[in-house]
Amino acid sequence: MKLPPTAHTDRPWRIHEITPDFRLEDVWALPATGGPEDFPKLLEQMTSSENHLPGVAGVLFAIRWQLGRLLGWDKEDSGLDGRVRSLRERLPDDLRDRPPGPAPRSLPFQPLYLTEDEWAAETANRTMHGVMHVSWVPDGSGGHRAHMAVLVKPNGLLGKAYMAAILPFRHILVYPALMRTIERAWKARQAEPA
């Protein structure tokens, strides 16, 4: 479920210290709930190599990677520590000294930091520098719910045009497929015997 920007901006997340020059692109409630101890399980699930988008959303990602190869958007010098510096350089000492958390196996993201209730990973290419922020938000009744925010810094006119062009695809095809994938995997994990 799409959430208003305030669901992210009104919380005291550490990512705000690190990305003041990024714009908040999307905020979503993920279909995963649980106790405080379940956040690492969610991250393990979300970063596993089995977390592939099905159907049309998966095809769109495959097309994007092919297009990126063809146009040179994803060359090594276009990404982190090439075109842009990693946000790890901006981390306060207390976050830099911690393990950064899991690295996504099927997406080109590098983990930035991990706390008890938030995890951030970054990616960059010729079109933008982006951050995926996953948080574990108290629900007011003793449980927690997962949120995901996407923060972006477009690279010039190309980046702005690219982000505008993919907006409908993200909202109509990609995010709904991602939510269904997360929900199925989370329900399957909860159904496993202890």
Protein backbone atom coordinates (compact mmCIF):
# COMPACT_ATOMS: atom_id res chain seq x y z
CA MET A 1 0.00 0.00 0.00
CA LYS A 2 1.35 3.41 -1.00
CA LEU A 3 1.82 5.73 1.97
CA PRO A 4 2.01 9.53 2.22
CA PRO A 5 5.54 11.02 2.33
CA THR A 6 5.06 11.90 6.02
CA ALA A 7 5.04 8.18 6.88
CA HIS A 8 8.78 8.40 6.17
CA THR A 9 9.68 12.06 6.74
CA ASP A 10 8.01 12.33 10.17
CA ARG A 11 10.02 9.44 11.62
CA PRO A 12 13.49 9.96 13.13
CA TRP A 13 15.28 7.72 10.63
CA ARG A 14 19.05 8.00 10.38
CA ILE A 15 18.80 8.14 6.59
CA HIS A 16 17.62 11.76 6.85
CA GLU A 17 21.10 12.76 8.08
CA ILE A 18 22.73 11.14 5.07
CA THR A 19 20.47 12.08 2.15
CA PRO A 20 19.39 15.73 2.55
CA ASP A 21 20.05 16.32 -1.17
CA PHE A 22 17.94 13.34 -2.32
CA ARG A 23 14.23 13.52 -3.05
CA LEU A 24 11.74 11.09 -1.59
CA GLU A 25 10.28 9.23 -4.56
CA ASP A 26 7.99 6.64 -2.93
CA VAL A 27 6.91 5.29 0.46
CA TRP A 28 5.19 1.91 0.76
CA ALA A 29 3.86 -0.26 3.56
CA LEU A 30 5.23 -3.71 2.87
CA PRO A 31 3.02 -6.75 3.55
CA ALA A 32 5.17 -7.96 6.44
CA THR A 33 4.37 -7.66 10.13
CA GLY A 34 5.87 -9.18 13.25
CA GLY A 35 7.76 -8.58 16.44
CA PRO A 36 10.99 -6.65 16.99
CA GLU A 37 13.04 -9.80 16.37
CA ASP A 38 11.58 -10.29 12.87
CA PHE A 39 13.31 -7.39 11.11
CA PRO A 40 16.47 -9.41 10.27
CA LYS A 41 14.23 -12.17 8.85
CA LEU A 42 12.53 -9.65 6.57
CA LEU A 43 15.87 -8.33 5.31
CA GLU A 44 17.15 -11.86 4.73
CA GLN A 45 14.04 -12.58 2.67
CA MET A 46 14.21 -9.32 0.71
CA THR A 47 17.89 -9.69 -0.18
CA SER A 48 17.88 -13.41 -1.02
CA SER A 49 18.56 -14.57 -4.55
CA GLU A 50 15.08 -16.12 -4.61
CA ASN A 51 13.46 -12.66 -4.45
CA HIS A 52 12.76 -12.22 -8.18
CA LEU A 53 9.86 -10.26 -9.60
CA PRO A 54 7.42 -12.44 -11.52
CA GLY A 55 5.60 -11.80 -14.77
CA VAL A 56 5.54 -8.44 -16.51
CA ALA A 57 7.52 -6.72 -13.71
CA GLY A 58 10.36 -9.22 -14.14
CA VAL A 59 10.29 -8.71 -17.90
CA LEU A 60 10.46 -4.91 -17.39
CA PHE A 61 13.57 -5.30 -15.23
CA ALA A 62 15.18 -7.56 -17.86
CA ILE A 63 14.41 -4.96 -20.55
CA ARG A 64 15.84 -2.21 -18.34
CA TRP A 65 19.12 -4.11 -17.84
CA GLN A 66 19.39 -4.79 -21.59
CA LEU A 67 18.67 -1.14 -22.39
CA GLY A 68 21.21 -0.06 -19.78
CA ARG A 69 23.86 -2.29 -21.36
CA LEU A 70 23.06 -1.01 -24.84
CA LEU A 71 23.15 2.67 -23.83
CA GLY A 72 26.03 2.37 -21.35
CA TRP A 73 23.95 3.47 -18.35
CA ASP A 74 25.33 0.79 -16.07
CA LYS A 75 29.05 0.87 -16.84
CA GLU A 76 31.30 0.62 -13.80
CA ASP A 77 32.44 4.23 -14.11
CA SER A 78 28.76 5.31 -14.11
CA GLY A 79 28.03 3.92 -10.67
CA LEU A 80 29.20 4.12 -7.09
CA ASP A 81 32.74 5.39 -6.61
CA GLY A 82 32.76 6.15 -10.33
CA ARG A 83 30.29 8.87 -11.31
CA VAL A 84 29.21 9.38 -7.68
CA ARG A 85 30.81 8.76 -4.31
CA SER A 86 29.21 6.16 -2.08
CA LEU A 87 27.02 7.53 0.69
CA ARG A 88 29.09 5.42 3.10
CA GLU A 89 31.43 8.42 3.15
CA ARG A 90 28.63 10.48 4.72
CA LEU A 91 27.83 8.00 7.47
CA PRO A 92 28.35 9.15 11.05
CA ASP A 93 31.02 7.12 12.86
CA ASP A 94 28.50 5.07 14.85
CA LEU A 95 26.89 3.81 11.63
CA ARG A 96 30.14 3.39 9.72
CA ASP A 97 31.51 1.15 12.49
CA ARG A 98 28.54 -1.23 12.33
CA PRO A 99 28.10 -4.08 9.83
CA PRO A 100 26.20 -2.64 6.84
CA GLY A 101 23.69 -5.47 6.67
CA PRO A 102 22.89 -7.88 3.86
CA ALA A 103 23.68 -7.19 0.22
CA PRO A 104 20.84 -7.83 -2.23
CA ARG A 105 21.78 -10.79 -4.39
CA SER A 106 19.49 -10.07 -7.35
CA LEU A 107 19.63 -6.25 -7.47
CA PRO A 108 22.62 -3.93 -8.03
CA PHE A 109 22.48 -2.36 -4.55
CA GLN A 110 25.26 -2.07 -1.97
CA PRO A 111 24.29 -1.99 1.70
CA LEU A 112 24.94 1.28 3.55
CA TYR A 113 24.00 0.58 7.15
CA LEU A 114 21.85 -1.53 9.43
CA THR A 115 20.31 -0.64 12.80
CA GLU A 116 17.72 -2.45 14.90
CA ASP A 117 14.89 -0.93 12.88
CA GLU A 118 16.27 0.39 9.58
CA TRP A 119 18.43 -0.72 6.69
CA ALA A 120 19.57 1.25 3.68
CA ALA A 121 21.24 0.23 0.43
CA GLU A 122 22.33 2.37 -2.50
CA THR A 123 22.78 2.08 -6.23
CA ALA A 124 23.95 4.45 -8.95
CA ASN A 125 24.15 4.50 -12.71
CA ARG A 126 24.20 7.06 -15.51
CA THR A 127 20.58 8.11 -14.76
CA MET A 128 20.49 8.48 -10.97
CA HIS A 129 21.86 7.75 -7.49
CA GLY A 130 19.23 5.94 -5.47
CA VAL A 131 18.62 4.60 -1.97
CA MET A 132 16.26 1.87 -0.84
CA HIS A 133 15.37 2.36 2.84
CA VAL A 134 13.55 -0.44 4.66
CA SER A 135 12.27 0.23 8.16
CA TRP A 136 10.51 -1.71 10.91
CA VAL A 137 7.84 0.62 12.31
CA PRO A 138 5.99 0.02 15.61
CA ASP A 139 2.28 -0.42 14.90
CA GLY A 140 1.05 0.86 18.28
CA SER A 141 -0.12 -2.53 19.52
CA GLY A 142 3.21 -4.18 20.31
CA GLY A 143 3.93 -5.36 16.78
CA HIS A 144 5.82 -3.89 13.84
CA ARG A 145 5.15 -3.29 10.16
CA ALA A 146 7.65 -2.94 7.34
CA HIS A 147 7.94 0.25 5.29
CA MET A 148 10.06 0.89 2.23
CA ALA A 149 11.10 4.32 1.00
CA VAL A 150 12.90 5.09 -2.24
CA LEU A 151 15.10 8.20 -2.33
CA VAL A 152 16.60 9.45 -5.58
CA LYS A 153 19.05 12.01 -6.88
CA PRO A 154 18.52 12.17 -10.67
CA ASN A 155 21.55 12.80 -12.88
CA GLY A 156 20.69 15.88 -14.92
CA LEU A 157 18.03 15.98 -17.64
CA LEU A 158 18.60 12.33 -18.55
CA GLY A 159 17.91 11.28 -14.97
CA LYS A 160 14.82 13.47 -14.63
CA ALA A 161 13.43 12.18 -17.93
CA TYR A 162 14.20 8.58 -17.00
CA MET A 163 12.52 8.87 -13.57
CA ALA A 164 9.43 10.49 -15.16
CA ALA A 165 9.28 7.80 -17.87
CA ILE A 166 9.40 4.86 -15.44
CA LEU A 167 6.96 6.33 -12.89
CA PRO A 168 3.80 4.70 -14.29
CA PHE A 169 5.56 1.35 -14.72
CA ARG A 170 6.79 1.43 -11.12
CA HIS A 171 3.38 2.24 -9.68
CA ILE A 172 1.21 0.05 -11.92
CA LEU A 173 3.42 -3.00 -12.48
CA VAL A 174 6.62 -3.14 -10.43
CA TYR A 175 5.50 -2.22 -6.92
CA PRO A 176 2.32 -4.34 -6.95
CA ALA A 177 4.35 -7.36 -8.12
CA LEU A 178 6.98 -6.65 -5.46
CA MET A 179 4.27 -6.46 -2.76
CA ARG A 180 2.77 -9.79 -3.86
CA THR A 181 6.22 -11.43 -3.90
CA ILE A 182 7.07 -10.16 -0.42
CA GLU A 183 3.65 -11.14 0.94
CA ARG A 184 3.83 -14.71 -0.43
CA ALA A 185 7.36 -15.23 0.90
CA TRP A 186 6.50 -13.71 4.30
CA LYS A 187 3.40 -15.88 4.69
CA ALA A 188 5.38 -18.97 3.66
CA ARG A 189 8.07 -18.13 6.25
CA GLN A 190 5.46 -17.70 8.99
CA ALA A 191 3.88 -21.04 8.06
CA GLU A 192 7.20 -22.90 8.47
CA PRO A 193 7.39 -25.03 11.63
CA ALA A 194 9.51 -23.48 14.37
